[in-house]
Amino acid sequence: MNTTTSNQEMEISIVGSTYRVMDAKNRVHYVNKDKTCSCGNRECPAIKAVAVYLKGGGRRSPEFPVNCPICGAAILRDQVWDNRSMHQPGWRCEKGGLTHFLEFNTKRISQRLAEDPWLFRPVFQEGTCVYPGVRRNELFSWEECVQLLNKEYLETGYDPRQ
């Protein structure tokens, strides 16, 4: 979660596509990109704190999608499905419901996995590789492990399962 404290002692973080602002009295405000606050006050200090935060180089919240990327229908906000680690808002499609949200995210995650070959990245210390890392394609499936065990048994006569 991206947090910061402004000069007004307000903690600002990104939740979904909104800014979560905790004031000095531990009250929580949610400020939208349209400069409205969940408290309903048009002159809420949380709105000004978000403006100061953004002008100071703070991270912008992601845009909330307008249409379903699967079928193009309208979408409705669903905070239950917010991805807080990636700061992405949750939603449901009017036609496909939650299924379209999950399908879209499955495709996004699959694409990221295909682009990144590392399960564990190599570790370097002072220019020297201290851990070579593990690539996803270096892992064996259950069937491949059984084949390797059978091959070892045939070659050596040793069966570690007994």
N, C-alpha and C. Protein backbone atom coordinates (compact mmCIF):
# COMPACT_ATOMS: atom_id res chain seq x y z
N MET A 1 0.85 -1.17 0.00
CA MET A 1 0.00 0.00 0.00
C MET A 1 0.90 1.24 0.00
N ASN A 2 0.64 2.16 -0.85
CA ASN A 2 1.42 3.39 -0.95
C ASN A 2 0.87 4.40 0.05
N THR A 3 1.67 4.78 1.02
CA THR A 3 1.19 5.73 2.02
C THR A 3 2.15 6.89 2.12
N THR A 4 1.63 8.00 2.55
CA THR A 4 2.43 9.18 2.80
C THR A 4 1.72 10.02 3.85
N THR A 5 2.46 10.90 4.49
CA THR A 5 1.86 11.80 5.46
C THR A 5 2.11 13.22 4.97
N SER A 6 1.08 14.01 4.85
CA SER A 6 1.23 15.38 4.38
C SER A 6 1.55 16.29 5.56
N ASN A 7 1.78 17.56 5.27
CA ASN A 7 2.07 18.51 6.33
C ASN A 7 0.87 18.73 7.24
N GLN A 8 -0.30 18.28 6.84
CA GLN A 8 -1.50 18.43 7.66
C GLN A 8 -1.74 17.17 8.50
N GLU A 9 -0.75 16.28 8.56
CA GLU A 9 -0.85 15.04 9.32
C GLU A 9 -2.00 14.16 8.84
N MET A 10 -2.12 14.02 7.52
CA MET A 10 -3.10 13.12 6.94
C MET A 10 -2.36 12.03 6.21
N GLU A 11 -2.74 10.79 6.45
CA GLU A 11 -2.12 9.65 5.78
C GLU A 11 -2.94 9.33 4.55
N ILE A 12 -2.26 9.24 3.40
CA ILE A 12 -2.94 9.02 2.13
C ILE A 12 -2.44 7.71 1.53
N SER A 13 -3.38 6.86 1.11
CA SER A 13 -3.04 5.62 0.43
C SER A 13 -4.03 5.39 -0.70
N ILE A 14 -3.67 4.48 -1.60
CA ILE A 14 -4.52 4.18 -2.75
C ILE A 14 -5.26 2.89 -2.48
N VAL A 15 -6.58 2.94 -2.63
CA VAL A 15 -7.42 1.76 -2.49
C VAL A 15 -8.33 1.71 -3.70
N GLY A 16 -8.12 0.71 -4.54
CA GLY A 16 -8.89 0.63 -5.78
C GLY A 16 -8.54 1.82 -6.65
N SER A 17 -9.53 2.58 -7.05
CA SER A 17 -9.27 3.77 -7.87
C SER A 17 -9.53 5.05 -7.07
N THR A 18 -9.55 4.93 -5.75
CA THR A 18 -9.78 6.09 -4.89
C THR A 18 -8.58 6.30 -3.96
N TYR A 19 -8.56 7.46 -3.32
CA TYR A 19 -7.53 7.78 -2.34
C TYR A 19 -8.16 7.65 -0.95
N ARG A 20 -7.53 6.87 -0.12
CA ARG A 20 -7.99 6.70 1.27
C ARG A 20 -7.19 7.68 2.12
N VAL A 21 -7.89 8.55 2.83
CA VAL A 21 -7.25 9.58 3.64
C VAL A 21 -7.67 9.39 5.09
N MET A 22 -6.68 9.24 5.97
CA MET A 22 -6.96 9.16 7.40
C MET A 22 -6.50 10.47 8.02
N ASP A 23 -7.43 11.17 8.65
CA ASP A 23 -7.09 12.47 9.22
C ASP A 23 -6.50 12.31 10.62
N ALA A 24 -6.19 13.42 11.27
CA ALA A 24 -5.55 13.41 12.59
C ALA A 24 -6.44 12.80 13.66
N LYS A 25 -7.75 12.77 13.43
CA LYS A 25 -8.68 12.20 14.40
C LYS A 25 -9.02 10.74 14.07
N ASN A 26 -8.22 10.12 13.19
CA ASN A 26 -8.39 8.73 12.76
C ASN A 26 -9.72 8.47 12.05
N ARG A 27 -10.25 9.50 11.41
CA ARG A 27 -11.43 9.32 10.57
C ARG A 27 -10.96 9.03 9.16
N VAL A 28 -11.66 8.11 8.49
CA VAL A 28 -11.27 7.70 7.14
C VAL A 28 -12.17 8.38 6.11
N HIS A 29 -11.53 8.94 5.09
CA HIS A 29 -12.23 9.56 3.97
C HIS A 29 -11.78 8.86 2.69
N TYR A 30 -12.68 8.72 1.74
CA TYR A 30 -12.34 8.17 0.43
C TYR A 30 -12.59 9.27 -0.60
N VAL A 31 -11.51 9.71 -1.24
CA VAL A 31 -11.59 10.80 -2.21
C VAL A 31 -11.49 10.21 -3.61
N ASN A 32 -12.48 10.53 -4.46
CA ASN A 32 -12.50 10.07 -5.84
C ASN A 32 -11.74 11.03 -6.74
N LYS A 33 -11.51 10.59 -7.98
CA LYS A 33 -10.81 11.43 -8.95
C LYS A 33 -11.63 12.65 -9.34
N ASP A 34 -12.94 12.60 -9.14
CA ASP A 34 -13.77 13.75 -9.46
C ASP A 34 -13.81 14.77 -8.32
N LYS A 35 -12.87 14.63 -7.37
CA LYS A 35 -12.69 15.56 -6.25
C LYS A 35 -13.90 15.61 -5.33
N THR A 36 -14.49 14.44 -5.09
CA THR A 36 -15.55 14.33 -4.11
C THR A 36 -15.09 13.40 -3.00
N CYS A 37 -15.61 13.65 -1.80
CA CYS A 37 -15.21 12.85 -0.65
C CYS A 37 -16.40 12.04 -0.15
N SER A 38 -16.11 10.91 0.45
CA SER A 38 -17.17 10.04 0.97
C SER A 38 -17.94 10.68 2.11
N CYS A 39 -17.38 11.69 2.75
CA CYS A 39 -18.09 12.35 3.85
C CYS A 39 -19.17 13.30 3.34
N GLY A 40 -19.13 13.66 2.05
CA GLY A 40 -20.15 14.53 1.46
C GLY A 40 -19.82 16.00 1.53
N ASN A 41 -18.81 16.39 2.27
CA ASN A 41 -18.42 17.79 2.40
C ASN A 41 -17.63 18.22 1.17
N ARG A 42 -18.14 19.22 0.44
CA ARG A 42 -17.45 19.68 -0.78
C ARG A 42 -16.13 20.38 -0.47
N GLU A 43 -15.98 20.88 0.73
CA GLU A 43 -14.76 21.58 1.14
C GLU A 43 -13.94 20.73 2.11
N CYS A 44 -14.05 19.43 2.02
CA CYS A 44 -13.37 18.52 2.94
C CYS A 44 -11.84 18.69 2.84
N PRO A 45 -11.15 18.80 3.97
CA PRO A 45 -9.69 18.93 3.95
C PRO A 45 -8.99 17.73 3.31
N ALA A 46 -9.66 16.57 3.28
CA ALA A 46 -9.06 15.39 2.65
C ALA A 46 -8.88 15.60 1.15
N ILE A 47 -9.81 16.32 0.52
CA ILE A 47 -9.70 16.60 -0.92
C ILE A 47 -8.47 17.46 -1.18
N LYS A 48 -8.26 18.47 -0.33
CA LYS A 48 -7.09 19.34 -0.48
C LYS A 48 -5.80 18.57 -0.19
N ALA A 49 -5.84 17.66 0.77
CA ALA A 49 -4.65 16.86 1.10
C ALA A 49 -4.26 15.97 -0.08
N VAL A 50 -5.24 15.41 -0.79
CA VAL A 50 -4.95 14.59 -1.97
C VAL A 50 -4.33 15.45 -3.06
N ALA A 51 -4.85 16.67 -3.25
CA ALA A 51 -4.30 17.58 -4.26
C ALA A 51 -2.83 17.89 -3.95
N VAL A 52 -2.52 18.17 -2.68
CA VAL A 52 -1.14 18.45 -2.27
C VAL A 52 -0.27 17.22 -2.49
N TYR A 53 -0.80 16.05 -2.15
CA TYR A 53 -0.10 14.78 -2.33
C TYR A 53 0.27 14.56 -3.80
N LEU A 54 -0.69 14.79 -4.70
CA LEU A 54 -0.44 14.59 -6.13
C LEU A 54 0.52 15.63 -6.69
N LYS A 55 0.37 16.88 -6.27
CA LYS A 55 1.29 17.94 -6.74
C LYS A 55 2.71 17.68 -6.26
N GLY A 56 2.85 17.00 -5.13
CA GLY A 56 4.16 16.67 -4.59
C GLY A 56 4.76 15.42 -5.19
N GLY A 57 4.14 14.88 -6.22
CA GLY A 57 4.68 13.70 -6.90
C GLY A 57 4.12 12.38 -6.41
N GLY A 58 3.04 12.41 -5.64
CA GLY A 58 2.42 11.18 -5.15
C GLY A 58 1.88 10.33 -6.28
N ARG A 59 1.79 9.04 -6.03
CA ARG A 59 1.32 8.09 -7.04
C ARG A 59 -0.16 8.28 -7.33
N ARG A 60 -0.51 8.26 -8.60
CA ARG A 60 -1.91 8.43 -9.00
C ARG A 60 -2.64 7.10 -8.90
N SER A 61 -3.91 7.17 -8.55
CA SER A 61 -4.71 5.95 -8.50
C SER A 61 -5.06 5.52 -9.92
N PRO A 62 -5.27 4.21 -10.13
CA PRO A 62 -5.58 3.75 -11.49
C PRO A 62 -6.96 4.21 -11.93
N GLU A 63 -7.12 4.29 -13.22
CA GLU A 63 -8.42 4.68 -13.79
C GLU A 63 -9.40 3.53 -13.62
N PHE A 64 -10.62 3.87 -13.30
CA PHE A 64 -11.67 2.86 -13.22
C PHE A 64 -12.20 2.64 -14.62
N PRO A 65 -12.24 1.38 -15.09
CA PRO A 65 -12.70 1.13 -16.46
C PRO A 65 -14.17 1.52 -16.64
N VAL A 66 -14.50 1.95 -17.85
CA VAL A 66 -15.87 2.37 -18.15
C VAL A 66 -16.69 1.20 -18.67
N ASN A 67 -16.09 0.41 -19.56
CA ASN A 67 -16.79 -0.72 -20.17
C ASN A 67 -16.05 -2.02 -19.88
N CYS A 68 -16.78 -3.11 -19.90
CA CYS A 68 -16.20 -4.43 -19.69
C CYS A 68 -15.22 -4.74 -20.83
N PRO A 69 -13.97 -5.11 -20.51
CA PRO A 69 -13.01 -5.42 -21.57
C PRO A 69 -13.32 -6.74 -22.29
N ILE A 70 -14.23 -7.54 -21.77
CA ILE A 70 -14.59 -8.81 -22.41
C ILE A 70 -15.72 -8.62 -23.41
N CYS A 71 -16.82 -7.95 -22.99
CA CYS A 71 -17.98 -7.85 -23.87
C CYS A 71 -18.38 -6.41 -24.20
N GLY A 72 -17.81 -5.43 -23.53
CA GLY A 72 -18.11 -4.03 -23.81
C GLY A 72 -19.30 -3.47 -23.06
N ALA A 73 -19.96 -4.28 -22.25
CA ALA A 73 -21.13 -3.80 -21.49
C ALA A 73 -20.67 -2.88 -20.36
N ALA A 74 -21.61 -2.17 -19.77
CA ALA A 74 -21.30 -1.28 -18.65
C ALA A 74 -20.85 -2.12 -17.45
N ILE A 75 -20.03 -1.51 -16.61
CA ILE A 75 -19.58 -2.22 -15.42
C ILE A 75 -19.94 -1.44 -14.16
N LEU A 76 -20.04 -2.16 -13.07
CA LEU A 76 -20.37 -1.58 -11.78
C LEU A 76 -19.21 -1.84 -10.83
N ARG A 77 -18.92 -0.87 -10.01
CA ARG A 77 -17.83 -0.98 -9.03
C ARG A 77 -18.17 -2.04 -7.99
N ASP A 78 -17.18 -2.88 -7.63
CA ASP A 78 -17.36 -3.89 -6.58
C ASP A 78 -16.10 -3.91 -5.72
N GLN A 79 -16.15 -3.20 -4.58
CA GLN A 79 -14.98 -3.05 -3.73
C GLN A 79 -14.52 -4.35 -3.09
N VAL A 80 -15.40 -5.34 -3.03
CA VAL A 80 -15.03 -6.63 -2.46
C VAL A 80 -13.89 -7.26 -3.27
N TRP A 81 -13.84 -6.98 -4.57
CA TRP A 81 -12.84 -7.59 -5.46
C TRP A 81 -11.68 -6.66 -5.79
N ASP A 82 -11.48 -5.61 -5.00
CA ASP A 82 -10.31 -4.74 -5.19
C ASP A 82 -9.04 -5.55 -4.98
N ASN A 83 -8.06 -5.31 -5.85
CA ASN A 83 -6.74 -5.93 -5.70
C ASN A 83 -5.85 -4.89 -5.03
N ARG A 84 -5.74 -4.98 -3.72
CA ARG A 84 -5.01 -3.96 -2.97
C ARG A 84 -3.52 -3.97 -3.24
N SER A 85 -2.94 -5.14 -3.52
CA SER A 85 -1.50 -5.18 -3.77
C SER A 85 -1.15 -4.53 -5.10
N MET A 86 -2.02 -4.62 -6.08
CA MET A 86 -1.76 -4.01 -7.39
C MET A 86 -2.51 -2.68 -7.56
N HIS A 87 -3.27 -2.29 -6.56
CA HIS A 87 -4.05 -1.05 -6.58
C HIS A 87 -4.99 -1.01 -7.78
N GLN A 88 -5.70 -2.10 -8.00
CA GLN A 88 -6.66 -2.15 -9.10
C GLN A 88 -8.07 -2.33 -8.55
N PRO A 89 -9.01 -1.55 -9.07
CA PRO A 89 -10.38 -1.62 -8.57
C PRO A 89 -11.12 -2.87 -9.02
N GLY A 90 -12.00 -3.36 -8.16
CA GLY A 90 -12.84 -4.48 -8.50
C GLY A 90 -14.12 -4.01 -9.18
N TRP A 91 -14.69 -4.85 -10.02
CA TRP A 91 -15.91 -4.49 -10.73
C TRP A 91 -16.67 -5.74 -11.14
N ARG A 92 -17.90 -5.54 -11.60
CA ARG A 92 -18.74 -6.60 -12.16
C ARG A 92 -19.36 -6.07 -13.44
N CYS A 93 -19.45 -6.93 -14.42
CA CYS A 93 -20.06 -6.58 -15.70
C CYS A 93 -21.58 -6.72 -15.58
N GLU A 94 -22.31 -5.82 -16.24
CA GLU A 94 -23.78 -5.91 -16.20
C GLU A 94 -24.28 -7.17 -16.88
N LYS A 95 -23.56 -7.64 -17.91
CA LYS A 95 -24.00 -8.86 -18.62
C LYS A 95 -23.34 -10.11 -18.05
N GLY A 96 -22.02 -10.08 -17.91
CA GLY A 96 -21.28 -11.27 -17.49
C GLY A 96 -21.01 -11.38 -16.01
N GLY A 97 -21.33 -10.33 -15.25
CA GLY A 97 -21.14 -10.34 -13.81
C GLY A 97 -19.69 -10.50 -13.41
N LEU A 98 -19.47 -11.20 -12.34
CA LEU A 98 -18.14 -11.42 -11.79
C LEU A 98 -17.28 -12.28 -12.73
N THR A 99 -17.91 -13.14 -13.51
CA THR A 99 -17.19 -14.02 -14.42
C THR A 99 -16.29 -13.23 -15.37
N HIS A 100 -16.78 -12.12 -15.91
CA HIS A 100 -15.98 -11.33 -16.84
C HIS A 100 -14.81 -10.66 -16.13
N PHE A 101 -15.01 -10.20 -14.90
CA PHE A 101 -13.92 -9.61 -14.13
C PHE A 101 -12.82 -10.65 -13.90
N LEU A 102 -13.22 -11.85 -13.48
CA LEU A 102 -12.24 -12.90 -13.21
C LEU A 102 -11.55 -13.37 -14.50
N GLU A 103 -12.29 -13.45 -15.59
CA GLU A 103 -11.70 -13.84 -16.88
C GLU A 103 -10.67 -12.81 -17.33
N PHE A 104 -11.00 -11.54 -17.20
CA PHE A 104 -10.07 -10.47 -17.58
C PHE A 104 -8.79 -10.55 -16.75
N ASN A 105 -8.92 -10.72 -15.44
CA ASN A 105 -7.74 -10.78 -14.58
C ASN A 105 -6.92 -12.04 -14.81
N THR A 106 -7.57 -13.15 -15.13
CA THR A 106 -6.84 -14.38 -15.45
C THR A 106 -5.98 -14.18 -16.68
N LYS A 107 -6.53 -13.53 -17.70
CA LYS A 107 -5.75 -13.24 -18.92
C LYS A 107 -4.58 -12.31 -18.62
N ARG A 108 -4.82 -11.30 -17.78
CA ARG A 108 -3.77 -10.34 -17.42
C ARG A 108 -2.63 -11.03 -16.66
N ILE A 109 -2.99 -11.88 -15.72
CA ILE A 109 -1.98 -12.59 -14.93
C ILE A 109 -1.21 -13.58 -15.82
N SER A 110 -1.91 -14.29 -16.70
CA SER A 110 -1.25 -15.22 -17.61
C SER A 110 -0.25 -14.51 -18.51
N GLN A 111 -0.62 -13.33 -18.98
CA GLN A 111 0.28 -12.56 -19.83
C GLN A 111 1.52 -12.14 -19.06
N ARG A 112 1.35 -11.69 -17.82
CA ARG A 112 2.50 -11.31 -17.00
C ARG A 112 3.41 -12.49 -16.73
N LEU A 113 2.84 -13.65 -16.45
CA LEU A 113 3.65 -14.84 -16.21
C LEU A 113 4.43 -15.24 -17.46
N ALA A 114 3.80 -15.11 -18.62
CA ALA A 114 4.49 -15.45 -19.87
C ALA A 114 5.64 -14.49 -20.15
N GLU A 115 5.50 -13.24 -19.75
CA GLU A 115 6.55 -12.25 -19.99
C GLU A 115 7.71 -12.38 -19.00
N ASP A 116 7.47 -12.94 -17.81
CA ASP A 116 8.50 -13.04 -16.78
C ASP A 116 8.85 -14.51 -16.57
N PRO A 117 10.03 -14.96 -17.02
CA PRO A 117 10.39 -16.38 -16.92
C PRO A 117 10.82 -16.82 -15.52
N TRP A 118 11.01 -15.89 -14.60
CA TRP A 118 11.59 -16.23 -13.30
C TRP A 118 10.54 -16.57 -12.26
N LEU A 119 10.73 -17.68 -11.56
CA LEU A 119 9.97 -17.99 -10.37
C LEU A 119 10.65 -17.29 -9.19
N PHE A 120 11.98 -17.45 -9.12
CA PHE A 120 12.81 -16.73 -8.16
C PHE A 120 13.96 -16.12 -8.94
N ARG A 121 14.12 -14.82 -8.87
CA ARG A 121 15.15 -14.12 -9.63
C ARG A 121 16.54 -14.38 -9.04
N PRO A 122 17.57 -14.29 -9.89
CA PRO A 122 18.94 -14.45 -9.38
C PRO A 122 19.27 -13.32 -8.41
N VAL A 123 20.19 -13.60 -7.50
CA VAL A 123 20.61 -12.62 -6.52
C VAL A 123 22.09 -12.33 -6.74
N PHE A 124 22.41 -11.05 -6.86
CA PHE A 124 23.79 -10.62 -7.05
C PHE A 124 24.22 -9.78 -5.86
N GLN A 125 25.46 -10.00 -5.44
CA GLN A 125 26.02 -9.21 -4.36
C GLN A 125 27.40 -8.75 -4.78
N GLU A 126 27.54 -7.44 -4.90
CA GLU A 126 28.79 -6.82 -5.35
C GLU A 126 29.24 -7.39 -6.69
N GLY A 127 28.28 -7.58 -7.59
CA GLY A 127 28.59 -8.05 -8.94
C GLY A 127 28.76 -9.55 -9.06
N THR A 128 28.66 -10.30 -7.98
CA THR A 128 28.82 -11.74 -8.01
C THR A 128 27.47 -12.41 -7.78
N CYS A 129 27.18 -13.40 -8.59
CA CYS A 129 25.92 -14.13 -8.45
C CYS A 129 26.04 -15.06 -7.25
N VAL A 130 25.21 -14.81 -6.23
CA VAL A 130 25.23 -15.65 -5.03
C VAL A 130 24.08 -16.66 -5.04
N TYR A 131 23.12 -16.46 -5.93
CA TYR A 131 22.01 -17.40 -6.09
C TYR A 131 21.57 -17.33 -7.55
N PRO A 132 21.60 -18.47 -8.27
CA PRO A 132 21.33 -18.42 -9.71
C PRO A 132 19.88 -18.21 -10.09
N GLY A 133 18.97 -18.35 -9.16
CA GLY A 133 17.55 -18.17 -9.46
C GLY A 133 16.94 -19.43 -10.04
N VAL A 134 15.62 -19.43 -10.17
CA VAL A 134 14.89 -20.56 -10.72
C VAL A 134 13.92 -20.03 -11.76
N ARG A 135 13.98 -20.58 -12.95
CA ARG A 135 13.04 -20.21 -14.02
C ARG A 135 11.83 -21.13 -13.96
N ARG A 136 10.70 -20.64 -14.41
CA ARG A 136 9.48 -21.44 -14.39
C ARG A 136 9.61 -22.70 -15.24
N ASN A 137 10.34 -22.61 -16.35
CA ASN A 137 10.47 -23.77 -17.23
C ASN A 137 11.42 -24.82 -16.67
N GLU A 138 12.08 -24.54 -15.54
CA GLU A 138 12.96 -25.52 -14.91
C GLU A 138 12.21 -26.43 -13.93
N LEU A 139 10.94 -26.16 -13.68
CA LEU A 139 10.15 -26.97 -12.77
C LEU A 139 9.62 -28.20 -13.50
N PHE A 140 9.48 -29.29 -12.77
CA PHE A 140 8.95 -30.52 -13.34
C PHE A 140 7.50 -30.70 -12.95
N SER A 141 6.73 -31.29 -13.84
CA SER A 141 5.36 -31.67 -13.51
C SER A 141 5.41 -32.99 -12.75
N TRP A 142 4.27 -33.39 -12.19
CA TRP A 142 4.20 -34.66 -11.47
C TRP A 142 4.57 -35.82 -12.39
N GLU A 143 4.07 -35.78 -13.60
CA GLU A 143 4.33 -36.86 -14.55
C GLU A 143 5.83 -36.95 -14.88
N GLU A 144 6.47 -35.78 -15.04
CA GLU A 144 7.91 -35.78 -15.32
C GLU A 144 8.71 -36.33 -14.15
N CYS A 145 8.30 -36.03 -12.94
CA CYS A 145 8.99 -36.57 -11.75
C CYS A 145 8.86 -38.09 -11.69
N VAL A 146 7.67 -38.62 -11.99
CA VAL A 146 7.47 -40.07 -11.99
C VAL A 146 8.35 -40.72 -13.04
N GLN A 147 8.44 -40.12 -14.23
CA GLN A 147 9.29 -40.67 -15.28
C GLN A 147 10.76 -40.69 -14.86
N LEU A 148 11.23 -39.62 -14.21
CA LEU A 148 12.62 -39.58 -13.74
C LEU A 148 12.88 -40.64 -12.67
N LEU A 149 11.93 -40.83 -11.75
CA LEU A 149 12.09 -41.86 -10.73
C LEU A 149 12.14 -43.25 -11.35
N ASN A 150 11.26 -43.51 -12.31
CA ASN A 150 11.25 -44.81 -12.98
C ASN A 150 12.55 -45.05 -13.74
N LYS A 151 13.05 -44.01 -14.40
CA LYS A 151 14.32 -44.12 -15.14
C LYS A 151 15.47 -44.44 -14.17
N GLU A 152 15.49 -43.75 -13.04
CA GLU A 152 16.54 -44.00 -12.05
C GLU A 152 16.45 -45.42 -11.51
N TYR A 153 15.23 -45.89 -11.27
CA TYR A 153 15.05 -47.25 -10.77
C TYR A 153 15.56 -48.28 -11.78
N LEU A 154 15.23 -48.07 -13.06
CA LEU A 154 15.67 -49.01 -14.09
C LEU A 154 17.19 -49.01 -14.24
N GLU A 155 17.81 -47.85 -14.09
CA GLU A 155 19.25 -47.76 -14.27
C GLU A 155 20.04 -48.27 -13.05
N THR A 156 19.53 -48.00 -11.85
CA THR A 156 20.31 -48.33 -10.64
C THR A 156 19.72 -49.46 -9.82
N GLY A 157 18.44 -49.76 -10.01
CA GLY A 157 17.80 -50.77 -9.19
C GLY A 157 17.33 -50.23 -7.85
N TYR A 158 17.58 -48.96 -7.59
CA TYR A 158 17.19 -48.35 -6.32
C TYR A 158 15.85 -47.65 -6.47
N ASP A 159 14.92 -47.99 -5.58
CA ASP A 159 13.61 -47.36 -5.58
C ASP A 159 13.44 -46.62 -4.25
N PRO A 160 13.51 -45.29 -4.24
CA PRO A 160 13.42 -44.55 -2.98
C PRO A 160 12.05 -44.60 -2.32
N ARG A 161 11.04 -45.13 -3.03
CA ARG A 161 9.70 -45.20 -2.47
C ARG A 161 9.51 -46.42 -1.58
N GLN A 162 10.52 -47.31 -1.54
CA GLN A 162 10.37 -48.53 -0.72
C GLN A 162 11.23 -48.46 0.51
